[in-house]
Amino acid sequence: VDFEYAGMCDPLWDVADLSVEAGLDAAKEAELLRAYFGGATPTQEEVGRVVLYKAMCDLLWTLWGLLQHKNGNPAEDFWAYATGRFVRCQRLMARPDFAQHVAAVRAGQPSG
C-alpha cells in the first residue's frame, strides 16, 4: 500500500495506475482486469472507469512533474517527464472510443 497517496478512492484507480505505470498494452490490461475480477469479464462501466482513471493518472503526474520543475528539483528532467505524461493523457483522451467510455461510466452511475 502506498500510504502517501492512500485514500477513499475507487479501487479501480489503483488498477488503472498499475496499467499506466507498467505500460500495459490492451491485451495485458484486459488480462489484468479479468484477474482483478476473478476471471469475470468486466462491465463496460468498469472498463470505462479504468480508461478515465488512466487519463487522470497521467494528468495528476503531469501536474506533479510541473511542480517539481517549478521548484527546481534537480533529480531529473521534470519538464520532459511532465510533458511526456501530458502528451500520453491527450492521446488517450483523443481516441475515438474515449467518449464511449465516458458514456458507459455516466450510464453506470446511480442517480441522485
C-alpha atoms as a PDB file:
ATOM      1  CA  VAL A   1       0.000   0.000   0.000  1.00  0.00           C
ATOM      2  CA  ASP A   2       1.290   3.430  -0.946  1.00  0.00           C
ATOM      3  CA  PHE A   3       0.311   5.244   2.246  1.00  0.00           C
ATOM      4  CA  GLU A   4       1.454   8.582   0.854  1.00  0.00           C
ATOM      5  CA  TYR A   5      -1.394   8.511  -1.677  1.00  0.00           C
ATOM      6  CA  ALA A   6      -3.824   6.112   0.031  1.00  0.00           C
ATOM      7  CA  GLY A   7      -7.348   7.348   0.444  1.00  0.00           C
ATOM      8  CA  MET A   8     -11.005   6.628  -0.026  1.00  0.00           C
ATOM      9  CA  CYS A   9     -10.531   6.057  -3.753  1.00  0.00           C
ATOM     10  CA  ASP A  10     -12.258   3.735  -6.146  1.00  0.00           C
ATOM     11  CA  PRO A  11     -10.096   0.571  -6.176  1.00  0.00           C
ATOM     12  CA  LEU A  12     -10.073   0.753  -9.979  1.00  0.00           C
ATOM     13  CA  TRP A  13      -7.918   3.903  -9.649  1.00  0.00           C
ATOM     14  CA  ASP A  14      -5.076   1.671  -8.475  1.00  0.00           C
ATOM     15  CA  VAL A  15      -5.731  -0.841 -11.254  1.00  0.00           C
ATOM     16  CA  ALA A  16      -5.604   1.992 -13.794  1.00  0.00           C
ATOM     17  CA  ASP A  17      -2.433   3.425 -12.281  1.00  0.00           C
ATOM     18  CA  LEU A  18      -0.808  -0.019 -12.353  1.00  0.00           C
ATOM     19  CA  SER A  19      -1.715  -0.338 -16.035  1.00  0.00           C
ATOM     20  CA  VAL A  20      -0.267   3.104 -16.818  1.00  0.00           C
ATOM     21  CA  GLU A  21       2.936   2.655 -14.817  1.00  0.00           C
ATOM     22  CA  ALA A  22       3.547  -0.861 -16.140  1.00  0.00           C
ATOM     23  CA  GLY A  23       2.912   0.277 -19.716  1.00  0.00           C
ATOM     24  CA  LEU A  24       0.413  -2.499 -20.331  1.00  0.00           C
ATOM     25  CA  ASP A  25      -0.929  -2.907 -23.834  1.00  0.00           C
ATOM     26  CA  ALA A  26      -4.651  -3.565 -24.416  1.00  0.00           C
ATOM     27  CA  ALA A  27      -4.290  -7.348 -24.208  1.00  0.00           C
ATOM     28  CA  LYS A  28      -2.309  -7.263 -20.972  1.00  0.00           C
ATOM     29  CA  GLU A  29      -4.704  -4.718 -19.466  1.00  0.00           C
ATOM     30  CA  ALA A  30      -7.669  -6.953 -20.337  1.00  0.00           C
ATOM     31  CA  GLU A  31      -5.855  -9.857 -18.684  1.00  0.00           C
ATOM     32  CA  LEU A  32      -5.210  -7.717 -15.588  1.00  0.00           C
ATOM     33  CA  LEU A  33      -8.890  -6.746 -15.389  1.00  0.00           C
ATOM     34  CA  ARG A  34     -10.079 -10.343 -15.771  1.00  0.00           C
ATOM     35  CA  ALA A  35      -7.703 -11.387 -12.989  1.00  0.00           C
ATOM     36  CA  TYR A  36      -8.839  -8.484 -10.806  1.00  0.00           C
ATOM     37  CA  PHE A  37     -12.481  -9.523 -11.263  1.00  0.00           C
ATOM     38  CA  GLY A  38     -11.742 -13.178 -10.508  1.00  0.00           C
ATOM     39  CA  GLY A  39     -11.944 -14.358 -14.108  1.00  0.00           C
ATOM     40  CA  ALA A  40     -15.155 -12.488 -14.892  1.00  0.00           C
ATOM     41  CA  THR A  41     -15.334 -10.077 -17.793  1.00  0.00           C
ATOM     42  CA  PRO A  42     -15.536  -6.501 -16.502  1.00  0.00           C
ATOM     43  CA  THR A  43     -18.559  -4.428 -17.447  1.00  0.00           C
ATOM     44  CA  GLN A  44     -18.311  -1.551 -19.915  1.00  0.00           C
ATOM     45  CA  GLU A  45     -18.708   0.804 -16.961  1.00  0.00           C
ATOM     46  CA  GLU A  46     -15.776  -0.807 -15.116  1.00  0.00           C
ATOM     47  CA  VAL A  47     -13.577  -0.686 -18.218  1.00  0.00           C
ATOM     48  CA  GLY A  48     -14.654   2.922 -18.712  1.00  0.00           C
ATOM     49  CA  ARG A  49     -13.629   3.821 -15.184  1.00  0.00           C
ATOM     50  CA  VAL A  50     -10.186   2.330 -15.777  1.00  0.00           C
ATOM     51  CA  VAL A  51      -9.760   4.276 -19.023  1.00  0.00           C
ATOM     52  CA  LEU A  52     -10.838   7.557 -17.406  1.00  0.00           C
ATOM     53  CA  TYR A  53      -8.605   6.934 -14.402  1.00  0.00           C
ATOM     54  CA  LYS A  54      -5.655   6.250 -16.706  1.00  0.00           C
ATOM     55  CA  ALA A  55      -6.105   9.728 -18.190  1.00  0.00           C
ATOM     56  CA  MET A  56      -6.474  11.191 -14.705  1.00  0.00           C
ATOM     57  CA  CYS A  57      -3.319   9.407 -13.514  1.00  0.00           C
ATOM     58  CA  ASP A  58      -1.295  10.932 -16.317  1.00  0.00           C
ATOM     59  CA  LEU A  59      -2.802  14.343 -15.625  1.00  0.00           C
ATOM     60  CA  LEU A  60      -2.010  14.024 -11.910  1.00  0.00           C
ATOM     61  CA  TRP A  61       1.614  13.115 -12.625  1.00  0.00           C
ATOM     62  CA  THR A  62       1.810  15.893 -15.224  1.00  0.00           C
ATOM     63  CA  LEU A  63       0.931  18.430 -12.546  1.00  0.00           C
ATOM     64  CA  TRP A  64       3.308  16.821 -10.035  1.00  0.00           C
ATOM     65  CA  GLY A  65       6.133  16.974 -12.594  1.00  0.00           C
ATOM     66  CA  LEU A  66       5.406  20.641 -13.317  1.00  0.00           C
ATOM     67  CA  LEU A  67       5.606  21.420  -9.594  1.00  0.00           C
ATOM     68  CA  GLN A  68       8.922  19.579  -9.378  1.00  0.00           C
ATOM     69  CA  HIS A  69      10.200  21.543 -12.361  1.00  0.00           C
ATOM     70  CA  LYS A  70       8.977  24.863 -10.940  1.00  0.00           C
ATOM     71  CA  ASN A  71      10.585  24.110  -7.574  1.00  0.00           C
ATOM     72  CA  GLY A  72      13.913  23.317  -9.237  1.00  0.00           C
ATOM     73  CA  ASN A  73      14.103  19.664  -8.197  1.00  0.00           C
ATOM     74  CA  PRO A  74      17.426  18.514  -9.706  1.00  0.00           C
ATOM     75  CA  ALA A  75      16.659  14.776  -9.527  1.00  0.00           C
ATOM     76  CA  GLU A  76      15.692  14.530 -13.208  1.00  0.00           C
ATOM     77  CA  ASP A  77      14.293  16.471 -16.135  1.00  0.00           C
ATOM     78  CA  PHE A  78      10.823  17.043 -14.730  1.00  0.00           C
ATOM     79  CA  TRP A  79       9.821  19.241 -17.668  1.00  0.00           C
ATOM     80  CA  ALA A  80      10.297  16.317 -20.044  1.00  0.00           C
ATOM     81  CA  TYR A  81       8.570  13.998 -17.571  1.00  0.00           C
ATOM     82  CA  ALA A  82       5.543  16.303 -17.253  1.00  0.00           C
ATOM     83  CA  THR A  83       5.185  16.971 -20.953  1.00  0.00           C
ATOM     84  CA  GLY A  84       5.517  13.266 -21.757  1.00  0.00           C
ATOM     85  CA  ARG A  85       2.748  12.404 -19.312  1.00  0.00           C
ATOM     86  CA  PHE A  86       0.547  15.188 -20.680  1.00  0.00           C
ATOM     87  CA  VAL A  87       1.011  14.049 -24.271  1.00  0.00           C
ATOM     88  CA  ARG A  88       0.064  10.499 -23.282  1.00  0.00           C
ATOM     89  CA  CYS A  89      -3.049  11.834 -21.487  1.00  0.00           C
ATOM     90  CA  GLN A  90      -4.028  13.843 -24.566  1.00  0.00           C
ATOM     91  CA  ARG A  91      -3.543  10.828 -26.858  1.00  0.00           C
ATOM     92  CA  LEU A  92      -5.774   8.686 -24.665  1.00  0.00           C
ATOM     93  CA  MET A  93      -8.480  11.343 -24.498  1.00  0.00           C
ATOM     94  CA  ALA A  94      -8.309  11.863 -28.280  1.00  0.00           C
ATOM     95  CA  ARG A  95      -9.017   8.199 -29.033  1.00  0.00           C
ATOM     96  CA  PRO A  96     -12.325   7.668 -30.832  1.00  0.00           C
ATOM     97  CA  ASP A  97     -13.590   5.350 -28.074  1.00  0.00           C
ATOM     98  CA  PHE A  98     -12.881   7.758 -25.189  1.00  0.00           C
ATOM     99  CA  ALA A  99     -16.363   9.332 -25.383  1.00  0.00           C
ATOM    100  CA  GLN A 100     -17.893   5.840 -25.276  1.00  0.00           C
ATOM    101  CA  HIS A 101     -16.010   5.132 -22.040  1.00  0.00           C
ATOM    102  CA  VAL A 102     -17.274   8.393 -20.562  1.00  0.00           C
ATOM    103  CA  ALA A 103     -20.833   7.480 -21.582  1.00  0.00           C
ATOM    104  CA  ALA A 104     -20.501   3.991 -20.064  1.00  0.00           C
ATOM    105  CA  VAL A 105     -19.365   5.477 -16.761  1.00  0.00           C
ATOM    106  CA  ARG A 106     -22.188   8.027 -16.778  1.00  0.00           C
ATOM    107  CA  ALA A 107     -24.735   5.318 -17.522  1.00  0.00           C
ATOM    108  CA  GLY A 108     -23.431   3.200 -14.648  1.00  0.00           C
ATOM    109  CA  GLN A 109     -23.680   5.954 -12.047  1.00  0.00           C
ATOM    110  CA  PRO A 110     -26.567   5.906  -9.585  1.00  0.00           C
ATOM    111  CA  SER A 111     -28.914   8.849  -9.976  1.00  0.00           C
ATOM    112  CA  GLY A 112     -29.201  11.466  -7.282  1.00  0.00           C
END
